[in-house]
Amino acid sequence: MTLLSLNDLVLKIGKMNFQDQSLGFVPTMGALHEGHLAIIERAAKENDIAVVSIFVNPTQFNNPDDLVNYPRTLEEDLKLLSNLSNVFVFQPEVSEVYAHDILFEPMPLGHLASLMEGKYRPGHFDGVVHVVHNLFRLVQPTRAYFGKKDYQQLAIIRMLVKHYQFPIEIVACETWRSEVGLALSSRNKRLSPEGLEEALIIWKTLSFIKERKNTSSILDVKTDAISFFSSGSLSLEYLEFMNENTLLPAASWEEPVVCFIAAYCEGVRLIDNILV
């Protein structure tokens, strides 16, 4: 693992022959966990080199307190990556990522701007599009790797690549979970041991939904799932059933259905989903 400055990154990319060498890119905001590590190891295995960016992007936080409280653990992150030989860590400054906006023009988000994360985090996806666009121009990857836990974000990244005509393959990676089912997240670092236990109601609710798929309609399962979720201590923000391909509300089980949950545990916002 090697830590790169912006100048180092430019020199590294400049020396690559893109007809013969591939670059895998994993954009992160740091506070890395085993799920991140699995994605990074995959990128390193599937490409000649892998670049991991660690950048807490201010433009995607609609809640200023969330930005301030987001965990920053650079020393631990670098230690976690230290044994990976063909991995380079890019830790840019805000001024470098947004220098002259790197030919950026906003992208229309359509219905994704008003559903689920778009609805409850206004402006969030505008910030995601902006930073990913700029990072893609800086890093120029062959492939970029994103986790399915942020499923709506993944859909927007796929739109982004088409809209800006980036010659980049987007690789979707499965959600990594603890042994008891909790989706791994940097935000979990802010939870107490009790909070981590209470947060399991998210996975239990998703499992509850999958078990009842063939017994009731989507509407009835949703009603029952919300009731099941309320047996825990978390505050539910939304629970939605969406078509996997369009991310529009699903009307029946005949469609490919993904169930999405967002909830608060000890003031920390957590999200998860499952293909039902």
Protein backbone atom coordinates (compact mmCIF):
# COMPACT_ATOMS: atom_id res chain seq x y z
CA MET A 1 0.00 0.00 0.00
CA THR A 2 1.32 3.43 -1.01
CA LEU A 3 -0.15 6.82 -0.09
CA LEU A 4 -0.45 9.12 -3.12
CA SER A 5 -0.72 12.88 -3.37
CA LEU A 6 -2.60 14.38 -6.31
CA ASN A 7 0.70 14.95 -8.17
CA ASP A 8 1.78 11.37 -7.46
CA LEU A 9 -1.55 10.09 -8.80
CA VAL A 10 -1.22 12.09 -11.99
CA LEU A 11 2.31 10.78 -12.52
CA LYS A 12 1.22 7.20 -11.80
CA ILE A 13 -1.64 7.37 -14.28
CA GLY A 14 0.55 9.10 -16.84
CA LYS A 15 3.01 6.22 -16.79
CA MET A 16 0.33 3.58 -17.34
CA ASN A 17 -0.32 2.08 -20.74
CA PHE A 18 -4.10 1.71 -20.63
CA GLN A 19 -4.08 -0.77 -23.49
CA ASP A 20 -2.12 -3.18 -21.34
CA GLN A 21 -2.87 -2.17 -17.74
CA SER A 22 -6.11 -1.80 -15.83
CA LEU A 23 -6.88 0.42 -12.86
CA GLY A 24 -9.56 -0.50 -10.33
CA PHE A 25 -10.98 2.35 -8.26
CA VAL A 26 -12.70 2.14 -4.86
CA PRO A 27 -13.97 5.54 -3.68
CA THR A 28 -14.51 5.68 0.10
CA MET A 29 -14.95 8.21 2.87
CA GLY A 30 -12.59 6.27 5.11
CA ALA A 31 -13.45 4.64 8.45
CA LEU A 32 -12.78 1.41 6.59
CA HIS A 33 -14.17 -1.96 7.71
CA GLU A 34 -13.97 -5.55 6.50
CA GLY A 35 -16.58 -4.88 3.83
CA HIS A 36 -14.43 -2.15 2.33
CA LEU A 37 -11.40 -4.41 2.54
CA ALA A 38 -13.17 -7.18 0.61
CA ILE A 39 -14.08 -4.74 -2.17
CA ILE A 40 -10.54 -3.33 -2.28
CA GLU A 41 -9.03 -6.82 -2.42
CA ARG A 42 -11.38 -7.65 -5.30
CA ALA A 43 -10.33 -4.49 -7.16
CA ALA A 44 -6.67 -5.35 -6.59
CA LYS A 45 -7.20 -8.92 -7.84
CA GLU A 46 -9.15 -7.93 -10.95
CA ASN A 47 -6.82 -5.08 -12.04
CA ASP A 48 -3.13 -4.36 -12.41
CA ILE A 49 -3.37 -1.70 -9.73
CA ALA A 50 -6.12 -0.47 -7.41
CA VAL A 51 -6.61 3.07 -6.13
CA VAL A 52 -8.59 3.69 -2.95
CA SER A 53 -9.66 7.26 -2.32
CA ILE A 54 -10.27 8.41 1.25
CA PHE A 55 -12.22 11.63 1.11
CA VAL A 56 -15.05 12.80 3.36
CA ASN A 57 -17.06 14.71 0.79
CA PRO A 58 -18.74 17.80 2.27
CA THR A 59 -21.15 18.32 -0.62
CA GLN A 60 -23.16 15.13 0.02
CA PHE A 61 -24.05 15.85 3.65
CA ASN A 62 -27.45 17.53 3.93
CA ASN A 63 -27.06 17.49 7.74
CA PRO A 64 -24.04 19.56 8.95
CA ASP A 65 -23.89 17.61 12.23
CA ASP A 66 -23.59 14.36 10.26
CA LEU A 67 -20.54 15.77 8.46
CA VAL A 68 -18.92 16.85 11.72
CA ASN A 69 -19.59 13.49 13.40
CA TYR A 70 -18.62 11.25 10.50
CA PRO A 71 -15.80 8.97 11.76
CA ARG A 72 -12.33 9.81 10.53
CA THR A 73 -9.76 7.06 11.20
CA LEU A 74 -6.97 7.57 8.66
CA GLU A 75 -4.23 5.93 10.75
CA GLU A 76 -6.35 2.80 11.27
CA ASP A 77 -7.39 2.81 7.61
CA LEU A 78 -3.80 2.84 6.39
CA LYS A 79 -2.90 0.06 8.81
CA LEU A 80 -5.78 -2.06 7.47
CA LEU A 81 -4.47 -1.63 3.92
CA SER A 82 -0.76 -1.92 4.72
CA ASN A 83 -0.33 -5.52 3.52
CA LEU A 84 -1.84 -4.97 0.07
CA SER A 85 0.99 -4.66 -2.45
CA ASN A 86 -0.67 -3.21 -5.57
CA VAL A 87 -3.03 -0.83 -3.75
CA PHE A 88 -2.52 2.94 -3.73
CA VAL A 89 -4.34 5.27 -1.36
CA PHE A 90 -5.36 8.68 -2.69
CA GLN A 91 -6.25 11.19 0.04
CA PRO A 92 -7.05 14.48 -1.71
CA GLU A 93 -7.92 17.83 -0.22
CA VAL A 94 -11.30 19.46 -0.86
CA SER A 95 -9.58 22.11 -2.99
CA GLU A 96 -8.03 19.39 -5.17
CA VAL A 97 -11.25 17.47 -5.74
CA TYR A 98 -13.20 20.60 -6.61
CA ALA A 99 -10.45 22.53 -8.40
CA HIS A 100 -12.17 24.47 -11.20
CA ASP A 101 -14.98 21.88 -10.89
CA ILE A 102 -13.18 19.77 -13.50
CA LEU A 103 -15.63 20.52 -16.33
CA PHE A 104 -18.59 19.53 -14.15
CA GLU A 105 -22.18 20.17 -15.17
CA PRO A 106 -25.01 18.80 -12.98
CA MET A 107 -26.85 15.68 -14.09
CA PRO A 108 -30.65 15.34 -13.90
CA LEU A 109 -31.59 12.62 -11.41
CA GLY A 110 -35.22 12.09 -12.41
CA HIS A 111 -37.41 10.23 -9.94
CA LEU A 112 -34.39 9.04 -7.94
CA ALA A 113 -34.07 12.54 -6.52
CA SER A 114 -37.47 12.33 -4.83
CA LEU A 115 -37.64 8.73 -3.57
CA MET A 116 -36.14 7.19 -0.43
CA GLU A 117 -32.66 8.68 0.06
CA GLY A 118 -33.46 11.45 -2.41
CA LYS A 119 -36.55 12.39 -0.44
CA TYR A 120 -35.07 12.26 3.04
CA ARG A 121 -31.62 13.63 2.21
CA PRO A 122 -32.28 16.53 -0.16
CA GLY A 123 -29.18 17.49 -2.11
CA HIS A 124 -27.32 14.34 -1.08
CA PHE A 125 -27.23 12.73 -4.51
CA ASP A 126 -26.30 16.02 -6.17
CA GLY A 127 -23.20 15.95 -4.00
CA VAL A 128 -22.54 12.29 -4.78
CA VAL A 129 -22.76 12.91 -8.52
CA HIS A 130 -20.45 15.92 -8.23
CA VAL A 131 -17.72 14.19 -6.26
CA VAL A 132 -17.81 10.92 -8.21
CA HIS A 133 -17.69 12.80 -11.51
CA ASN A 134 -14.62 14.73 -10.35
CA LEU A 135 -12.91 11.67 -8.86
CA PHE A 136 -13.49 9.70 -12.06
CA ARG A 137 -11.82 12.48 -14.05
CA LEU A 138 -8.88 12.56 -11.65
CA VAL A 139 -8.35 8.80 -11.32
CA GLN A 140 -9.46 7.65 -14.80
CA PRO A 141 -10.23 4.08 -13.73
CA THR A 142 -10.91 1.08 -15.90
CA ARG A 143 -13.37 -0.24 -13.33
CA ALA A 144 -14.98 1.35 -10.27
CA TYR A 145 -16.35 -0.69 -7.37
CA PHE A 146 -19.44 0.16 -5.30
CA GLY A 147 -21.34 -1.77 -2.62
CA LYS A 148 -24.97 -2.82 -2.99
CA LYS A 149 -25.80 -1.58 0.51
CA ASP A 150 -26.05 1.89 -1.06
CA TYR A 151 -28.28 0.47 -3.78
CA GLN A 152 -29.92 3.73 -4.83
CA GLN A 153 -26.50 5.37 -5.04
CA LEU A 154 -25.31 2.47 -7.21
CA ALA A 155 -28.20 3.11 -9.62
CA ILE A 156 -27.23 6.78 -9.83
CA ILE A 157 -23.56 5.93 -10.45
CA ARG A 158 -24.62 3.74 -13.38
CA MET A 159 -26.67 6.68 -14.71
CA LEU A 160 -23.68 8.96 -14.21
CA VAL A 161 -21.36 6.80 -16.32
CA LYS A 162 -23.84 6.83 -19.21
CA HIS A 163 -24.67 10.52 -18.87
CA TYR A 164 -21.05 11.72 -18.88
CA GLN A 165 -19.94 8.94 -21.26
CA PHE A 166 -17.17 7.68 -18.99
CA PRO A 167 -15.48 4.53 -20.38
CA ILE A 168 -15.68 2.91 -16.94
CA GLU A 169 -17.11 -0.47 -15.93
CA ILE A 170 -19.17 -0.24 -12.72
CA VAL A 171 -18.78 -3.33 -10.54
CA ALA A 172 -21.51 -3.97 -7.94
CA CYS A 173 -20.31 -5.73 -4.77
CA GLU A 174 -22.46 -7.65 -2.32
CA THR A 175 -23.23 -6.22 1.11
CA TRP A 176 -20.94 -7.54 3.82
CA ARG A 177 -22.58 -8.42 7.12
CA SER A 178 -21.54 -9.38 10.61
CA GLU A 179 -22.06 -12.98 11.71
CA VAL A 180 -25.49 -11.99 13.04
CA GLY A 181 -26.56 -10.13 9.90
CA LEU A 182 -25.90 -6.45 10.57
CA ALA A 183 -24.73 -4.70 7.39
CA LEU A 184 -21.19 -3.40 7.87
CA SER A 185 -21.05 0.40 7.80
CA SER A 186 -18.61 3.10 8.83
CA ARG A 187 -21.48 4.61 10.82
CA ASN A 188 -21.59 1.50 13.01
CA LYS A 189 -18.44 2.85 14.69
CA ARG A 190 -20.64 5.48 16.37
CA LEU A 191 -22.91 2.87 18.00
CA SER A 192 -22.53 1.51 21.51
CA PRO A 193 -22.50 -2.29 22.06
CA GLU A 194 -26.16 -1.98 23.03
CA GLY A 195 -26.89 0.02 19.88
CA LEU A 196 -25.23 -2.60 17.69
CA GLU A 197 -27.51 -5.21 19.24
CA GLU A 198 -30.61 -3.05 18.83
CA ALA A 199 -29.71 -2.32 15.19
CA LEU A 200 -30.20 -6.01 14.36
CA ILE A 201 -33.94 -5.30 14.09
CA ILE A 202 -33.14 -4.02 10.58
CA TRP A 203 -31.82 -7.38 9.39
CA LYS A 204 -34.51 -9.24 11.31
CA THR A 205 -37.17 -7.17 9.56
CA LEU A 206 -35.67 -7.81 6.13
CA SER A 207 -35.54 -11.53 6.90
CA PHE A 208 -39.15 -11.38 8.14
CA ILE A 209 -40.16 -9.85 4.80
CA LYS A 210 -38.36 -12.45 2.71
CA GLU A 211 -39.99 -15.29 4.66
CA ARG A 212 -43.48 -13.89 3.99
CA LYS A 213 -43.06 -13.07 0.33
CA ASN A 214 -45.16 -16.01 -0.86
CA THR A 215 -47.94 -15.71 1.72
CA SER A 216 -49.29 -12.17 1.33
CA SER A 217 -49.42 -9.16 -0.98
CA ILE A 218 -46.72 -6.52 -0.93
CA LEU A 219 -49.06 -4.12 0.86
CA ASP A 220 -49.91 -6.64 3.59
CA VAL A 221 -46.27 -7.67 4.04
CA LYS A 222 -45.27 -4.01 4.32
CA THR A 223 -47.88 -3.40 7.02
CA ASP A 224 -46.79 -6.49 8.95
CA ALA A 225 -43.10 -5.63 8.54
CA ILE A 226 -43.57 -2.12 9.94
CA SER A 227 -45.38 -3.63 12.91
CA PHE A 228 -42.56 -6.16 13.37
CA PHE A 229 -39.94 -3.42 13.15
CA SER A 230 -41.74 -1.38 15.82
CA SER A 231 -41.08 -4.17 18.34
CA GLY A 232 -37.51 -2.85 18.45
CA SER A 233 -36.21 0.49 19.70
CA LEU A 234 -35.11 2.08 16.40
CA SER A 235 -36.94 4.96 14.75
CA LEU A 236 -38.07 4.00 11.24
CA GLU A 237 -37.63 6.61 8.52
CA TYR A 238 -38.87 4.55 5.61
CA LEU A 239 -39.53 1.00 4.51
CA GLU A 240 -40.20 0.67 0.78
CA PHE A 241 -40.61 -2.06 -1.85
CA MET A 242 -39.13 -1.05 -5.20
CA ASN A 243 -38.66 -2.63 -8.59
CA GLU A 244 -35.00 -3.75 -8.77
CA ASN A 245 -34.49 -2.33 -12.25
CA THR A 246 -36.46 0.93 -12.20
CA LEU A 247 -36.43 1.78 -8.48
CA LEU A 248 -40.09 2.72 -8.81
CA PRO A 249 -42.62 1.35 -6.28
CA ALA A 250 -43.29 -2.34 -6.87
CA ALA A 251 -46.91 -3.36 -7.26
CA SER A 252 -46.61 -7.16 -7.01
CA TRP A 253 -44.20 -10.00 -6.34
CA GLU A 254 -44.14 -10.75 -10.07
CA GLU A 255 -41.64 -7.92 -10.36
CA PRO A 256 -38.01 -8.20 -9.16
CA VAL A 257 -38.45 -6.55 -5.75
CA VAL A 258 -35.91 -4.95 -3.43
CA CYS A 259 -36.95 -3.89 0.06
CA PHE A 260 -35.22 -0.79 1.45
CA ILE A 261 -35.02 0.37 5.06
CA ALA A 262 -33.66 3.54 6.66
CA ALA A 263 -33.77 3.99 10.42
CA TYR A 264 -32.11 5.78 13.32
CA CYS A 265 -30.27 4.00 16.14
CA GLU A 266 -28.81 6.14 18.93
CA GLY A 267 -29.12 9.12 16.58
CA VAL A 268 -27.12 7.36 13.85
CA ARG A 269 -28.82 6.86 10.48
CA LEU A 270 -28.52 3.34 9.08
CA ILE A 271 -29.68 1.92 5.74
CA ASP A 272 -30.00 -1.59 4.36
CA ASN A 273 -31.81 -3.53 1.65
CA ILE A 274 -32.53 -7.04 0.45
CA LEU A 275 -33.55 -8.54 -2.88
CA VAL A 276 -36.80 -10.26 -2.01
